Amino acid sequence: MWSMAAQRLTQITPPVATPDQLWQRVKVASSAVPQEHIQSLFESMPRRVAALISNNCGYSGRNHISQKSINLII
C-alpha cells in the first residue's frame, strides 16, 4: 500500500514546501489506494508471514528485517 502511495506522491508537482503540505499529500495519496488492494494485502498476510517463517527469515537479532525478508514480503 505504501509503495502505491509513494508512487502517487512522486508524481505530484510542485514539490511540497512544508511538513504540513507533505502530510496533506500523504493523506490524499494513501486514501486514493483502492480498497481492493488493501484487502488483498490484508488477506495475503498469513501467506507472507508463513513464507518468512519457513525461510528462517524475519527478526535477525539486530532490530531489523533482512533484505531477503523484505523481498519475500513484497
N, C-alpha and C. Protein backbone atom coordinates (compact mmCIF):
# COMPACT_ATOMS: atom_id res chain seq x y z
N MET A 1 0.82 -1.18 0.00
CA MET A 1 0.00 0.00 0.00
C MET A 1 0.86 1.25 0.00
N TRP A 2 1.91 1.23 0.84
CA TRP A 2 2.74 2.43 0.93
C TRP A 2 3.51 2.68 -0.35
N SER A 3 3.86 1.62 -1.08
CA SER A 3 4.55 1.84 -2.35
C SER A 3 3.63 2.53 -3.35
N MET A 4 2.34 2.17 -3.32
CA MET A 4 1.39 2.84 -4.21
C MET A 4 1.23 4.30 -3.82
N ALA A 5 1.14 4.57 -2.53
CA ALA A 5 1.01 5.96 -2.07
C ALA A 5 2.27 6.75 -2.41
N ALA A 6 3.44 6.13 -2.21
CA ALA A 6 4.70 6.82 -2.52
C ALA A 6 4.80 7.12 -4.01
N GLN A 7 4.35 6.19 -4.84
CA GLN A 7 4.37 6.44 -6.28
C GLN A 7 3.50 7.63 -6.64
N ARG A 8 2.34 7.72 -6.03
CA ARG A 8 1.46 8.87 -6.29
C ARG A 8 2.11 10.17 -5.82
N LEU A 9 2.79 10.12 -4.68
CA LEU A 9 3.44 11.32 -4.15
C LEU A 9 4.54 11.83 -5.08
N THR A 10 5.28 10.92 -5.70
CA THR A 10 6.37 11.34 -6.58
C THR A 10 5.85 11.97 -7.87
N GLN A 11 4.60 11.72 -8.21
CA GLN A 11 4.03 12.26 -9.44
C GLN A 11 3.41 13.64 -9.25
N ILE A 12 3.31 14.09 -8.03
CA ILE A 12 2.67 15.38 -7.74
C ILE A 12 3.70 16.50 -7.85
N THR A 13 3.32 17.55 -8.56
CA THR A 13 4.15 18.74 -8.64
C THR A 13 3.28 19.93 -8.26
N PRO A 14 3.83 20.98 -7.75
CA PRO A 14 5.22 21.20 -7.37
C PRO A 14 5.54 20.46 -6.08
N PRO A 15 6.83 20.37 -5.76
CA PRO A 15 7.23 19.72 -4.51
C PRO A 15 6.64 20.45 -3.30
N VAL A 16 6.51 19.72 -2.22
CA VAL A 16 5.96 20.34 -1.00
C VAL A 16 6.96 21.33 -0.43
N ALA A 17 6.42 22.34 0.24
CA ALA A 17 7.28 23.36 0.84
C ALA A 17 7.33 23.25 2.36
N THR A 18 6.32 22.58 2.94
CA THR A 18 6.26 22.49 4.40
C THR A 18 5.89 21.06 4.82
N PRO A 19 6.19 20.70 6.05
CA PRO A 19 5.77 19.39 6.56
C PRO A 19 4.25 19.22 6.52
N ASP A 20 3.50 20.29 6.76
CA ASP A 20 2.04 20.21 6.70
C ASP A 20 1.55 19.87 5.30
N GLN A 21 2.17 20.47 4.29
CA GLN A 21 1.80 20.15 2.91
C GLN A 21 2.11 18.68 2.60
N LEU A 22 3.25 18.22 3.07
CA LEU A 22 3.60 16.81 2.85
C LEU A 22 2.57 15.90 3.51
N TRP A 23 2.21 16.19 4.74
CA TRP A 23 1.23 15.36 5.44
C TRP A 23 -0.11 15.35 4.71
N GLN A 24 -0.55 16.49 4.21
CA GLN A 24 -1.80 16.55 3.45
C GLN A 24 -1.72 15.68 2.20
N ARG A 25 -0.60 15.73 1.52
CA ARG A 25 -0.44 14.93 0.30
C ARG A 25 -0.36 13.44 0.62
N VAL A 26 0.28 13.10 1.73
CA VAL A 26 0.34 11.69 2.14
C VAL A 26 -1.07 11.18 2.42
N LYS A 27 -1.87 11.97 3.12
CA LYS A 27 -3.24 11.56 3.41
C LYS A 27 -4.05 11.36 2.13
N VAL A 28 -3.91 12.28 1.19
CA VAL A 28 -4.64 12.17 -0.08
C VAL A 28 -4.17 10.94 -0.86
N ALA A 29 -2.86 10.76 -0.95
CA ALA A 29 -2.31 9.62 -1.71
C ALA A 29 -2.70 8.29 -1.08
N SER A 30 -2.65 8.20 0.23
CA SER A 30 -2.98 6.93 0.87
C SER A 30 -4.47 6.63 0.79
N SER A 31 -5.29 7.66 0.81
CA SER A 31 -6.74 7.42 0.69
C SER A 31 -7.13 7.06 -0.74
N ALA A 32 -6.25 7.33 -1.70
CA ALA A 32 -6.54 7.01 -3.09
C ALA A 32 -6.20 5.55 -3.44
N VAL A 33 -5.54 4.84 -2.53
CA VAL A 33 -5.22 3.43 -2.79
C VAL A 33 -6.54 2.67 -2.77
N PRO A 34 -6.81 1.89 -3.81
CA PRO A 34 -8.09 1.17 -3.87
C PRO A 34 -8.28 0.23 -2.69
N GLN A 35 -9.49 0.21 -2.16
CA GLN A 35 -9.82 -0.65 -1.03
C GLN A 35 -9.55 -2.12 -1.36
N GLU A 36 -9.74 -2.51 -2.60
CA GLU A 36 -9.49 -3.90 -3.01
C GLU A 36 -8.01 -4.26 -2.83
N HIS A 37 -7.13 -3.32 -3.10
CA HIS A 37 -5.70 -3.57 -2.93
C HIS A 37 -5.37 -3.75 -1.45
N ILE A 38 -5.92 -2.91 -0.62
CA ILE A 38 -5.69 -3.02 0.82
C ILE A 38 -6.22 -4.36 1.33
N GLN A 39 -7.41 -4.76 0.88
CA GLN A 39 -7.99 -6.03 1.30
C GLN A 39 -7.13 -7.19 0.84
N SER A 40 -6.61 -7.10 -0.37
CA SER A 40 -5.74 -8.16 -0.89
C SER A 40 -4.47 -8.28 -0.05
N LEU A 41 -3.88 -7.16 0.33
CA LEU A 41 -2.70 -7.19 1.19
C LEU A 41 -3.03 -7.81 2.54
N PHE A 42 -4.15 -7.43 3.10
CA PHE A 42 -4.58 -7.96 4.39
C PHE A 42 -4.75 -9.48 4.30
N GLU A 43 -5.42 -9.94 3.27
CA GLU A 43 -5.68 -11.38 3.13
C GLU A 43 -4.41 -12.17 2.84
N SER A 44 -3.40 -11.53 2.27
CA SER A 44 -2.17 -12.24 1.94
C SER A 44 -1.18 -12.32 3.10
N MET A 45 -1.45 -11.63 4.20
CA MET A 45 -0.50 -11.60 5.31
C MET A 45 -0.19 -12.97 5.90
N PRO A 46 -1.17 -13.87 6.11
CA PRO A 46 -0.80 -15.19 6.64
C PRO A 46 0.20 -15.92 5.73
N ARG A 47 0.01 -15.84 4.44
CA ARG A 47 0.93 -16.48 3.50
C ARG A 47 2.30 -15.83 3.56
N ARG A 48 2.35 -14.53 3.65
CA ARG A 48 3.62 -13.82 3.71
C ARG A 48 4.39 -14.14 4.99
N VAL A 49 3.68 -14.17 6.10
CA VAL A 49 4.32 -14.49 7.37
C VAL A 49 4.81 -15.93 7.36
N ALA A 50 4.00 -16.85 6.83
CA ALA A 50 4.42 -18.25 6.73
C ALA A 50 5.67 -18.38 5.88
N ALA A 51 5.76 -17.60 4.80
CA ALA A 51 6.95 -17.65 3.94
C ALA A 51 8.18 -17.16 4.70
N LEU A 52 8.02 -16.14 5.50
CA LEU A 52 9.14 -15.66 6.31
C LEU A 52 9.59 -16.72 7.30
N ILE A 53 8.64 -17.32 7.97
CA ILE A 53 8.97 -18.34 8.97
C ILE A 53 9.63 -19.55 8.31
N SER A 54 9.08 -20.00 7.21
CA SER A 54 9.62 -21.20 6.57
C SER A 54 11.01 -20.98 5.98
N ASN A 55 11.36 -19.74 5.70
CA ASN A 55 12.68 -19.43 5.16
C ASN A 55 13.65 -18.94 6.22
N ASN A 56 13.27 -19.14 7.49
CA ASN A 56 14.11 -18.72 8.61
C ASN A 56 14.52 -17.26 8.51
N CYS A 57 13.60 -16.45 8.05
CA CYS A 57 13.86 -15.02 7.93
C CYS A 57 13.09 -14.29 9.01
N GLY A 58 13.22 -13.02 9.02
CA GLY A 58 12.50 -12.22 9.99
C GLY A 58 13.45 -11.55 10.93
N TYR A 59 13.18 -11.66 12.20
CA TYR A 59 13.99 -10.98 13.20
C TYR A 59 15.41 -11.52 13.18
N SER A 60 16.36 -10.64 13.02
CA SER A 60 17.76 -11.05 12.90
C SER A 60 18.52 -10.87 14.20
N GLY A 61 17.87 -10.37 15.23
CA GLY A 61 18.56 -10.11 16.48
C GLY A 61 19.17 -8.73 16.52
N ARG A 62 19.02 -7.98 15.44
CA ARG A 62 19.61 -6.64 15.37
C ARG A 62 18.56 -5.57 15.15
N ASN A 63 17.32 -5.88 15.51
CA ASN A 63 16.21 -4.93 15.42
C ASN A 63 15.91 -4.47 14.00
N HIS A 64 16.12 -5.34 13.04
CA HIS A 64 15.68 -5.03 11.69
C HIS A 64 15.38 -6.32 10.93
N ILE A 65 14.69 -6.18 9.83
CA ILE A 65 14.35 -7.33 8.99
C ILE A 65 15.35 -7.36 7.84
N SER A 66 15.81 -8.55 7.49
CA SER A 66 16.79 -8.69 6.42
C SER A 66 16.19 -8.33 5.07
N GLN A 67 17.05 -8.03 4.11
CA GLN A 67 16.60 -7.71 2.76
C GLN A 67 15.88 -8.91 2.15
N LYS A 68 16.34 -10.12 2.43
CA LYS A 68 15.68 -11.32 1.93
C LYS A 68 14.25 -11.36 2.43
N SER A 69 14.03 -11.01 3.69
CA SER A 69 12.68 -10.99 4.26
C SER A 69 11.82 -9.95 3.55
N ILE A 70 12.38 -8.80 3.30
CA ILE A 70 11.63 -7.74 2.63
C ILE A 70 11.22 -8.21 1.23
N ASN A 71 12.12 -8.87 0.53
CA ASN A 71 11.79 -9.35 -0.81
C ASN A 71 10.68 -10.38 -0.77
N LEU A 72 10.62 -11.21 0.26
CA LEU A 72 9.54 -12.19 0.38
C LEU A 72 8.21 -11.50 0.65
N ILE A 73 8.24 -10.41 1.39
CA ILE A 73 7.00 -9.71 1.74
C ILE A 73 6.43 -8.98 0.55
N ILE A 74 7.29 -8.30 -0.21
CA ILE A 74 6.77 -7.52 -1.34
C ILE A 74 6.78 -8.38 -2.55
